[in-house]
Amino acid sequence: MSAGGAHCPPAFSHQDITIMLKTLERMLRWSAGLMAAMALFAIMWLTLVDVTGRRFFNNSVPGGLEITEILMVIVIFGALPMVSWRSEHVVFDSLDAFLPEWVRAIQARLVNLVCAAVFGFLAYLMTTRAERFAEYGDTTVHLQLAIAPVAWLMALFLFITALVHLLFVFVVVPVSSPHHPDPAVVEGSST
């Protein structure tokens, strides 16, 4: 209510929120999603070259295992924000059929709040680990690649994932999922 007693309109309309969510999804897809896809593609080619080199030339790619490990970090941690955005993670939903829609809406927000806190804490831990790697100058064994940038990248992806979950505490998950209430039901109950 405003000072005059009239009801204040919401800061953002449903259409504004939808546009913002689509823009955020596009940004996630073209940043984290693209990095994960490119890393997976690089692993595929590295494996092909490594196996071919071993088979026909009796020589593998030097440091191939280290490169694969770093690329796997990018694939796994780069996919986390997209998996969270699309609600494609593992879900325990045995009781969902017995819960009313409004309880499931509260449950979804609480779960996202806990996930945001956990991913945020993991991002913090990874930043402390990255600082330690940088301070000690830790490198991979064979290629002598610095480990700190990889740890910083992991922390960044964890932080982005925490932000995705934090967003879903306040905004209904934009992707239809059997594990979350229908956005139309939640929006209809808020009016």
Protein backbone atom coordinates (compact mmCIF):
# COMPACT_ATOMS: atom_id res chain seq x y z
CA MET A 1 0.00 0.00 0.00
CA SER A 2 1.18 3.49 -0.73
CA ALA A 3 0.73 6.46 1.59
CA GLY A 4 -2.58 7.31 -0.08
CA GLY A 5 -3.92 3.78 0.47
CA ALA A 6 -3.80 2.77 -3.21
CA HIS A 7 -2.24 -0.56 -4.14
CA CYS A 8 1.23 -0.26 -5.73
CA PRO A 9 1.71 -2.14 -9.00
CA PRO A 10 4.41 -4.84 -9.01
CA ALA A 11 7.89 -3.65 -9.95
CA PHE A 12 8.04 -6.10 -12.88
CA SER A 13 5.23 -7.50 -14.96
CA HIS A 14 4.98 -11.19 -15.77
CA GLN A 15 6.13 -10.37 -19.30
CA ASP A 16 9.20 -8.50 -17.98
CA ILE A 17 10.16 -11.45 -15.78
CA THR A 18 9.69 -13.88 -18.68
CA ILE A 19 11.94 -11.78 -20.90
CA MET A 20 14.60 -11.54 -18.17
CA LEU A 21 14.49 -15.31 -17.58
CA LYS A 22 14.82 -16.05 -21.31
CA THR A 23 17.76 -13.64 -21.51
CA LEU A 24 19.43 -15.29 -18.51
CA GLU A 25 18.90 -18.74 -20.00
CA ARG A 26 20.42 -17.58 -23.30
CA MET A 27 23.41 -16.13 -21.42
CA LEU A 28 23.90 -19.39 -19.51
CA ARG A 29 23.62 -21.44 -22.67
CA TRP A 30 26.14 -19.30 -24.53
CA SER A 31 28.62 -19.12 -21.66
CA ALA A 32 28.66 -22.14 -19.37
CA GLY A 33 26.83 -24.42 -21.78
CA LEU A 34 29.06 -23.56 -24.71
CA MET A 35 32.22 -23.97 -22.63
CA ALA A 36 31.07 -27.41 -21.45
CA ALA A 37 30.17 -28.45 -25.00
CA MET A 38 33.50 -27.24 -26.41
CA ALA A 39 35.40 -29.07 -23.66
CA LEU A 40 33.50 -32.28 -24.40
CA PHE A 41 34.24 -31.86 -28.10
CA ALA A 42 37.94 -31.34 -27.29
CA ILE A 43 37.95 -34.50 -25.14
CA MET A 44 36.50 -36.42 -28.07
CA TRP A 45 39.24 -35.24 -30.43
CA LEU A 46 41.98 -35.68 -27.86
CA THR A 47 40.86 -39.26 -27.27
CA LEU A 48 40.76 -39.95 -31.02
CA VAL A 49 44.25 -38.55 -31.54
CA ASP A 50 45.59 -40.33 -28.44
CA VAL A 51 44.18 -43.73 -29.36
CA THR A 52 45.26 -43.35 -33.00
CA GLY A 53 48.77 -42.34 -31.91
CA ARG A 54 49.07 -45.29 -29.58
CA ARG A 55 47.69 -47.76 -32.10
CA PHE A 56 49.56 -46.74 -35.23
CA PHE A 57 52.61 -44.81 -33.99
CA ASN A 58 53.14 -46.50 -30.62
CA ASN A 59 53.11 -43.07 -28.98
CA SER A 60 50.33 -41.29 -27.07
CA VAL A 61 49.67 -37.57 -26.64
CA PRO A 62 52.07 -36.21 -24.01
CA GLY A 63 50.05 -35.04 -21.01
CA GLY A 64 46.83 -36.33 -22.54
CA LEU A 65 45.52 -37.52 -19.19
CA GLU A 66 46.14 -34.13 -17.56
CA ILE A 67 44.42 -32.30 -20.40
CA THR A 68 41.48 -34.71 -20.21
CA GLU A 69 41.18 -34.16 -16.46
CA ILE A 70 41.09 -30.37 -16.88
CA LEU A 71 38.57 -30.62 -19.70
CA MET A 72 36.40 -32.95 -17.59
CA VAL A 73 36.34 -30.30 -14.86
CA ILE A 74 35.05 -27.81 -17.42
CA VAL A 75 32.43 -30.28 -18.68
CA ILE A 76 31.15 -31.18 -15.21
CA PHE A 77 31.26 -27.78 -13.52
CA GLY A 78 30.22 -25.92 -16.68
CA ALA A 79 27.11 -28.07 -16.93
CA LEU A 80 26.04 -27.44 -13.31
CA PRO A 81 24.35 -24.06 -13.95
CA MET A 82 22.43 -25.45 -16.92
CA VAL A 83 21.38 -28.60 -15.06
CA SER A 84 20.10 -26.45 -12.22
CA TRP A 85 18.38 -24.01 -14.59
CA ARG A 86 16.54 -26.86 -16.31
CA SER A 87 15.85 -28.79 -13.08
CA GLU A 88 17.52 -31.87 -14.53
CA HIS A 89 19.26 -32.91 -11.33
CA VAL A 90 18.46 -36.01 -9.29
CA VAL A 91 15.23 -35.57 -7.36
CA PHE A 92 13.59 -37.59 -4.61
CA ASP A 93 9.91 -37.26 -5.45
CA SER A 94 8.21 -40.28 -3.83
CA LEU A 95 5.99 -38.08 -1.68
CA ASP A 96 5.15 -35.43 -4.29
CA ALA A 97 1.98 -37.21 -5.39
CA PHE A 98 0.59 -36.86 -1.85
CA LEU A 99 1.46 -33.20 -1.36
CA PRO A 100 -0.84 -30.36 -2.32
CA GLU A 101 0.42 -27.92 -4.93
CA TRP A 102 1.00 -25.09 -2.41
CA VAL A 103 3.19 -27.36 -0.24
CA ARG A 104 5.21 -28.36 -3.28
CA ALA A 105 5.68 -24.66 -4.14
CA ILE A 106 7.05 -23.97 -0.65
CA GLN A 107 9.16 -27.13 -0.78
CA ALA A 108 10.66 -26.11 -4.15
CA ARG A 109 11.63 -22.70 -2.78
CA LEU A 110 13.16 -24.21 0.38
CA VAL A 111 15.12 -26.77 -1.64
CA ASN A 112 16.43 -24.01 -3.92
CA LEU A 113 17.42 -21.96 -0.87
CA VAL A 114 19.36 -24.90 0.59
CA CYS A 115 20.97 -25.60 -2.80
CA ALA A 116 21.96 -21.94 -3.15
CA ALA A 117 23.58 -22.03 0.30
CA VAL A 118 25.42 -25.30 -0.41
CA PHE A 119 26.68 -24.23 -3.83
CA GLY A 120 27.64 -20.83 -2.44
CA PHE A 121 29.60 -22.50 0.36
CA LEU A 122 31.29 -24.85 -2.13
CA ALA A 123 32.22 -21.83 -4.27
CA TYR A 124 33.75 -20.18 -1.20
CA LEU A 125 35.73 -23.35 -0.39
CA MET A 126 36.93 -23.58 -3.97
CA THR A 127 38.10 -19.95 -3.93
CA THR A 128 40.14 -20.63 -0.80
CA ARG A 129 41.60 -23.71 -2.49
CA ALA A 130 42.35 -21.70 -5.66
CA GLU A 131 44.13 -19.05 -3.59
CA ARG A 132 46.22 -21.75 -1.95
CA PHE A 133 47.06 -23.30 -5.34
CA ALA A 134 48.12 -19.87 -6.62
CA GLU A 135 50.15 -19.12 -3.49
CA TYR A 136 52.03 -22.42 -3.66
CA GLY A 137 52.35 -22.34 -7.45
CA ASP A 138 50.82 -25.82 -7.82
CA THR A 139 51.02 -27.28 -11.32
CA THR A 140 50.17 -30.51 -13.07
CA VAL A 141 52.92 -33.13 -13.02
CA HIS A 142 53.68 -33.68 -16.69
CA LEU A 143 52.77 -30.46 -18.53
CA GLN A 144 53.38 -28.10 -15.60
CA LEU A 145 50.03 -26.33 -16.17
CA ALA A 146 48.93 -24.07 -13.30
CA ILE A 147 46.07 -25.56 -11.29
CA ALA A 148 44.82 -22.28 -9.76
CA PRO A 149 42.98 -21.06 -12.90
CA VAL A 150 41.11 -24.36 -13.08
CA ALA A 151 40.09 -24.04 -9.43
CA TRP A 152 38.99 -20.42 -10.03
CA LEU A 153 36.86 -21.60 -12.96
CA MET A 154 35.30 -24.29 -10.75
CA ALA A 155 34.52 -21.65 -8.12
CA LEU A 156 32.95 -19.40 -10.76
CA PHE A 157 30.67 -22.18 -12.06
CA LEU A 158 29.68 -23.10 -8.49
CA PHE A 159 28.88 -19.45 -7.75
CA ILE A 160 26.76 -19.14 -10.91
CA THR A 161 24.92 -22.32 -9.91
CA ALA A 162 24.28 -20.85 -6.46
CA LEU A 163 22.87 -17.70 -8.10
CA VAL A 164 20.57 -19.82 -10.29
CA HIS A 165 19.16 -21.55 -7.22
CA LEU A 166 18.88 -18.26 -5.36
CA LEU A 167 16.91 -16.81 -8.26
CA PHE A 168 14.50 -19.76 -8.09
CA VAL A 169 13.79 -19.00 -4.44
CA PHE A 170 12.07 -15.81 -5.61
CA VAL A 171 11.00 -16.67 -9.17
CA VAL A 172 9.19 -19.82 -10.27
CA VAL A 173 11.37 -22.22 -12.24
CA PRO A 174 10.71 -21.34 -15.91
CA VAL A 175 11.08 -24.92 -17.17
CA SER A 176 8.15 -27.27 -16.84
CA SER A 177 9.12 -30.15 -14.60
CA PRO A 178 7.21 -32.81 -12.69
CA HIS A 179 9.27 -31.85 -9.63
CA HIS A 180 8.15 -28.23 -9.47
CA PRO A 181 4.70 -26.73 -9.38
CA ASP A 182 3.24 -25.43 -12.60
CA PRO A 183 4.21 -21.74 -12.97
CA ALA A 184 0.58 -20.86 -13.79
CA VAL A 185 -0.65 -22.44 -10.52
CA VAL A 186 1.91 -20.57 -8.39
CA GLU A 187 1.31 -17.25 -10.15
CA GLY A 188 -2.46 -17.70 -9.85
CA SER A 189 -2.17 -18.33 -6.11
CA SER A 190 -0.17 -15.14 -5.53
CA THR A 191 -2.90 -12.85 -6.83
